[in-house]
Amino acid sequence: MFFFLSKVLAFIVLPYTWAIVFLLLAWRSKNETRKRKFFIAGLTILLVFSNRFILNQAMIAWEISPVKDPAPQSYDAIIVTGKQ
């Protein structure tokens, strides 16, 4: 049951699913203002989530900046592990 639920929820959360739903609602709607809003929402979702530049900028903003190494130390020897 959990496997099925996780697959269905993963499909529902995808932005392309929402874009298709909004575009279908715009196509089937009879109210002109609602049709225009659904169409704009669908196209906006497609534009934002299919644009590689916007996604890269969002991922760069989301990432944690790297931690700098403490002061470099010098060692006399190193240990290399591996198979014989």
N, C-alpha and C. Protein backbone atom coordinates (compact mmCIF):
# COMPACT_ATOMS: atom_id res chain seq x y z
N MET A 1 0.82 -1.19 0.00
CA MET A 1 0.00 0.00 0.00
C MET A 1 0.87 1.26 0.00
N PHE A 2 1.94 1.25 0.79
CA PHE A 2 2.81 2.41 0.85
C PHE A 2 3.49 2.65 -0.49
N PHE A 3 3.90 1.57 -1.17
CA PHE A 3 4.56 1.71 -2.47
C PHE A 3 3.62 2.38 -3.47
N PHE A 4 2.38 1.92 -3.53
CA PHE A 4 1.39 2.48 -4.44
C PHE A 4 1.13 3.95 -4.11
N LEU A 5 0.96 4.25 -2.84
CA LEU A 5 0.70 5.62 -2.40
C LEU A 5 1.87 6.54 -2.73
N SER A 6 3.09 6.06 -2.54
CA SER A 6 4.26 6.89 -2.83
C SER A 6 4.36 7.18 -4.33
N LYS A 7 4.02 6.22 -5.17
CA LYS A 7 4.08 6.45 -6.61
C LYS A 7 2.99 7.43 -7.07
N VAL A 8 1.80 7.30 -6.51
CA VAL A 8 0.71 8.21 -6.88
C VAL A 8 1.02 9.62 -6.41
N LEU A 9 1.50 9.77 -5.19
CA LEU A 9 1.82 11.10 -4.67
C LEU A 9 2.98 11.74 -5.44
N ALA A 10 3.95 10.92 -5.83
CA ALA A 10 5.07 11.46 -6.61
C ALA A 10 4.57 11.97 -7.96
N PHE A 11 3.61 11.28 -8.56
CA PHE A 11 3.05 11.73 -9.84
C PHE A 11 2.25 13.01 -9.67
N ILE A 12 1.51 13.12 -8.57
CA ILE A 12 0.67 14.29 -8.33
C ILE A 12 1.52 15.54 -8.05
N VAL A 13 2.67 15.36 -7.44
CA VAL A 13 3.51 16.50 -7.06
C VAL A 13 4.29 17.07 -8.25
N LEU A 14 4.47 16.30 -9.31
CA LEU A 14 5.25 16.76 -10.45
C LEU A 14 4.66 18.03 -11.07
N PRO A 15 5.50 19.02 -11.38
CA PRO A 15 4.98 20.27 -11.93
C PRO A 15 4.37 20.11 -13.32
N TYR A 16 4.87 19.18 -14.12
CA TYR A 16 4.30 18.99 -15.45
C TYR A 16 2.88 18.45 -15.37
N THR A 17 2.58 17.68 -14.35
CA THR A 17 1.21 17.21 -14.14
C THR A 17 0.30 18.40 -13.89
N TRP A 18 0.74 19.32 -13.06
CA TRP A 18 -0.06 20.50 -12.77
C TRP A 18 -0.22 21.37 -14.01
N ALA A 19 0.82 21.48 -14.81
CA ALA A 19 0.71 22.28 -16.03
C ALA A 19 -0.31 21.67 -16.98
N ILE A 20 -0.29 20.36 -17.13
CA ILE A 20 -1.26 19.70 -18.00
C ILE A 20 -2.67 19.85 -17.45
N VAL A 21 -2.82 19.74 -16.14
CA VAL A 21 -4.15 19.90 -15.53
C VAL A 21 -4.67 21.32 -15.78
N PHE A 22 -3.83 22.32 -15.57
CA PHE A 22 -4.26 23.70 -15.80
C PHE A 22 -4.61 23.95 -17.27
N LEU A 23 -3.81 23.40 -18.18
CA LEU A 23 -4.10 23.59 -19.60
C LEU A 23 -5.39 22.87 -20.01
N LEU A 24 -5.64 21.69 -19.44
CA LEU A 24 -6.90 20.99 -19.71
C LEU A 24 -8.09 21.75 -19.13
N LEU A 25 -7.92 22.31 -17.95
CA LEU A 25 -9.00 23.12 -17.36
C LEU A 25 -9.26 24.36 -18.20
N ALA A 26 -8.21 24.96 -18.74
CA ALA A 26 -8.40 26.13 -19.60
C ALA A 26 -9.13 25.74 -20.88
N TRP A 27 -8.83 24.57 -21.39
CA TRP A 27 -9.47 24.11 -22.62
C TRP A 27 -10.95 23.80 -22.42
N ARG A 28 -11.30 23.25 -21.24
CA ARG A 28 -12.67 22.82 -20.98
C ARG A 28 -13.53 23.88 -20.30
N SER A 29 -12.93 24.94 -19.81
CA SER A 29 -13.68 25.96 -19.08
C SER A 29 -14.53 26.80 -20.02
N LYS A 30 -15.71 27.18 -19.54
CA LYS A 30 -16.60 28.01 -20.34
C LYS A 30 -16.49 29.49 -19.95
N ASN A 31 -16.06 29.75 -18.73
CA ASN A 31 -15.88 31.11 -18.25
C ASN A 31 -14.57 31.67 -18.82
N GLU A 32 -14.65 32.79 -19.52
CA GLU A 32 -13.48 33.35 -20.21
C GLU A 32 -12.39 33.81 -19.25
N THR A 33 -12.74 34.44 -18.14
CA THR A 33 -11.70 34.90 -17.20
C THR A 33 -11.02 33.71 -16.54
N ARG A 34 -11.78 32.71 -16.17
CA ARG A 34 -11.20 31.52 -15.57
C ARG A 34 -10.35 30.77 -16.59
N LYS A 35 -10.79 30.74 -17.84
CA LYS A 35 -10.03 30.08 -18.90
C LYS A 35 -8.68 30.76 -19.09
N ARG A 36 -8.68 32.09 -19.09
CA ARG A 36 -7.43 32.84 -19.26
C ARG A 36 -6.49 32.62 -18.08
N LYS A 37 -7.04 32.60 -16.86
CA LYS A 37 -6.20 32.39 -15.67
C LYS A 37 -5.59 30.98 -15.67
N PHE A 38 -6.37 29.96 -16.02
CA PHE A 38 -5.84 28.60 -16.09
C PHE A 38 -4.76 28.49 -17.16
N PHE A 39 -5.00 29.13 -18.30
CA PHE A 39 -4.02 29.07 -19.39
C PHE A 39 -2.72 29.75 -19.00
N ILE A 40 -2.81 30.92 -18.36
CA ILE A 40 -1.61 31.62 -17.92
C ILE A 40 -0.88 30.82 -16.84
N ALA A 41 -1.61 30.21 -15.92
CA ALA A 41 -0.98 29.39 -14.88
C ALA A 41 -0.27 28.19 -15.49
N GLY A 42 -0.91 27.52 -16.45
CA GLY A 42 -0.28 26.37 -17.10
C GLY A 42 0.97 26.75 -17.86
N LEU A 43 0.91 27.83 -18.61
CA LEU A 43 2.09 28.27 -19.35
C LEU A 43 3.21 28.76 -18.44
N THR A 44 2.84 29.41 -17.34
CA THR A 44 3.86 29.86 -16.39
C THR A 44 4.58 28.69 -15.75
N ILE A 45 3.83 27.68 -15.37
CA ILE A 45 4.45 26.49 -14.79
C ILE A 45 5.37 25.82 -15.80
N LEU A 46 4.91 25.70 -17.05
CA LEU A 46 5.77 25.11 -18.08
C LEU A 46 7.03 25.94 -18.30
N LEU A 47 6.90 27.24 -18.32
CA LEU A 47 8.06 28.12 -18.54
C LEU A 47 9.06 28.00 -17.40
N VAL A 48 8.58 28.05 -16.18
CA VAL A 48 9.48 28.04 -15.02
C VAL A 48 10.17 26.69 -14.85
N PHE A 49 9.41 25.60 -14.97
CA PHE A 49 9.99 24.29 -14.67
C PHE A 49 10.65 23.62 -15.86
N SER A 50 10.53 24.18 -17.05
CA SER A 50 11.23 23.60 -18.19
C SER A 50 12.43 24.44 -18.60
N ASN A 51 12.66 25.55 -17.93
CA ASN A 51 13.77 26.44 -18.25
C ASN A 51 14.98 26.02 -17.41
N ARG A 52 16.02 25.55 -18.07
CA ARG A 52 17.21 25.04 -17.38
C ARG A 52 17.92 26.16 -16.59
N PHE A 53 17.96 27.37 -17.13
CA PHE A 53 18.64 28.48 -16.45
C PHE A 53 17.95 28.80 -15.12
N ILE A 54 16.64 28.88 -15.13
CA ILE A 54 15.90 29.20 -13.90
C ILE A 54 16.09 28.10 -12.87
N LEU A 55 16.04 26.84 -13.31
CA LEU A 55 16.24 25.74 -12.37
C LEU A 55 17.65 25.73 -11.79
N ASN A 56 18.65 26.02 -12.62
CA ASN A 56 20.03 26.07 -12.12
C ASN A 56 20.21 27.19 -11.10
N GLN A 57 19.62 28.34 -11.36
CA GLN A 57 19.73 29.45 -10.41
C GLN A 57 19.03 29.12 -9.10
N ALA A 58 17.90 28.43 -9.17
CA ALA A 58 17.20 28.03 -7.95
C ALA A 58 18.03 27.01 -7.17
N MET A 59 18.67 26.08 -7.87
CA MET A 59 19.50 25.08 -7.18
C MET A 59 20.74 25.72 -6.56
N ILE A 60 21.33 26.69 -7.24
CA ILE A 60 22.49 27.39 -6.68
C ILE A 60 22.09 28.14 -5.41
N ALA A 61 20.92 28.77 -5.43
CA ALA A 61 20.45 29.49 -4.24
C ALA A 61 20.11 28.52 -3.11
N TRP A 62 19.70 27.31 -3.44
CA TRP A 62 19.27 26.33 -2.45
C TRP A 62 20.45 25.64 -1.78
N GLU A 63 21.57 25.48 -2.51
CA GLU A 63 22.73 24.75 -1.99
C GLU A 63 23.39 25.50 -0.84
N ILE A 64 23.96 24.73 0.05
CA ILE A 64 24.71 25.29 1.17
C ILE A 64 26.12 25.61 0.68
N SER A 65 26.64 26.76 1.06
CA SER A 65 27.98 27.12 0.62
C SER A 65 29.01 26.18 1.26
N PRO A 66 30.09 25.88 0.54
CA PRO A 66 31.07 24.93 1.06
C PRO A 66 31.81 25.48 2.28
N VAL A 67 32.19 24.57 3.14
CA VAL A 67 32.93 24.94 4.36
C VAL A 67 34.41 24.94 4.01
N LYS A 68 35.11 25.99 4.40
CA LYS A 68 36.54 26.06 4.12
C LYS A 68 37.30 25.14 5.05
N ASP A 69 38.39 24.61 4.52
CA ASP A 69 39.25 23.74 5.32
C ASP A 69 39.93 24.56 6.41
N PRO A 70 40.15 23.93 7.55
CA PRO A 70 40.95 24.65 8.56
C PRO A 70 42.38 24.81 8.05
N ALA A 71 43.20 25.45 8.82
CA ALA A 71 44.59 25.70 8.42
C ALA A 71 45.25 24.40 7.96
N PRO A 72 45.94 24.43 6.83
CA PRO A 72 46.59 23.21 6.32
C PRO A 72 47.64 22.69 7.30
N GLN A 73 47.64 21.38 7.42
CA GLN A 73 48.61 20.74 8.32
C GLN A 73 49.54 19.89 7.48
N SER A 74 50.75 19.70 7.93
CA SER A 74 51.69 18.83 7.21
C SER A 74 51.84 17.53 8.01
N TYR A 75 51.92 16.44 7.28
CA TYR A 75 52.04 15.11 7.90
C TYR A 75 53.32 14.45 7.42
N ASP A 76 53.82 13.52 8.23
CA ASP A 76 55.04 12.79 7.87
C ASP A 76 54.72 11.57 7.01
N ALA A 77 53.53 11.00 7.14
CA ALA A 77 53.19 9.79 6.39
C ALA A 77 51.68 9.75 6.17
N ILE A 78 51.28 8.90 5.22
CA ILE A 78 49.86 8.68 5.00
C ILE A 78 49.59 7.18 4.97
N ILE A 79 48.37 6.80 5.20
CA ILE A 79 47.98 5.40 5.16
C ILE A 79 47.03 5.22 3.98
N VAL A 80 47.38 4.29 3.11
CA VAL A 80 46.54 4.00 1.96
C VAL A 80 45.96 2.62 2.16
N THR A 81 44.64 2.54 2.21
CA THR A 81 44.00 1.24 2.40
C THR A 81 43.60 0.67 1.06
N GLY A 82 43.55 -0.62 0.97
CA GLY A 82 43.14 -1.26 -0.28
C GLY A 82 43.38 -2.77 -0.20
N LYS A 83 43.03 -3.46 -1.27
CA LYS A 83 43.21 -4.92 -1.32
C LYS A 83 44.64 -5.26 -1.73
N GLN A 84 45.04 -6.47 -1.36
CA GLN A 84 46.38 -6.94 -1.76
C GLN A 84 46.27 -7.76 -3.02
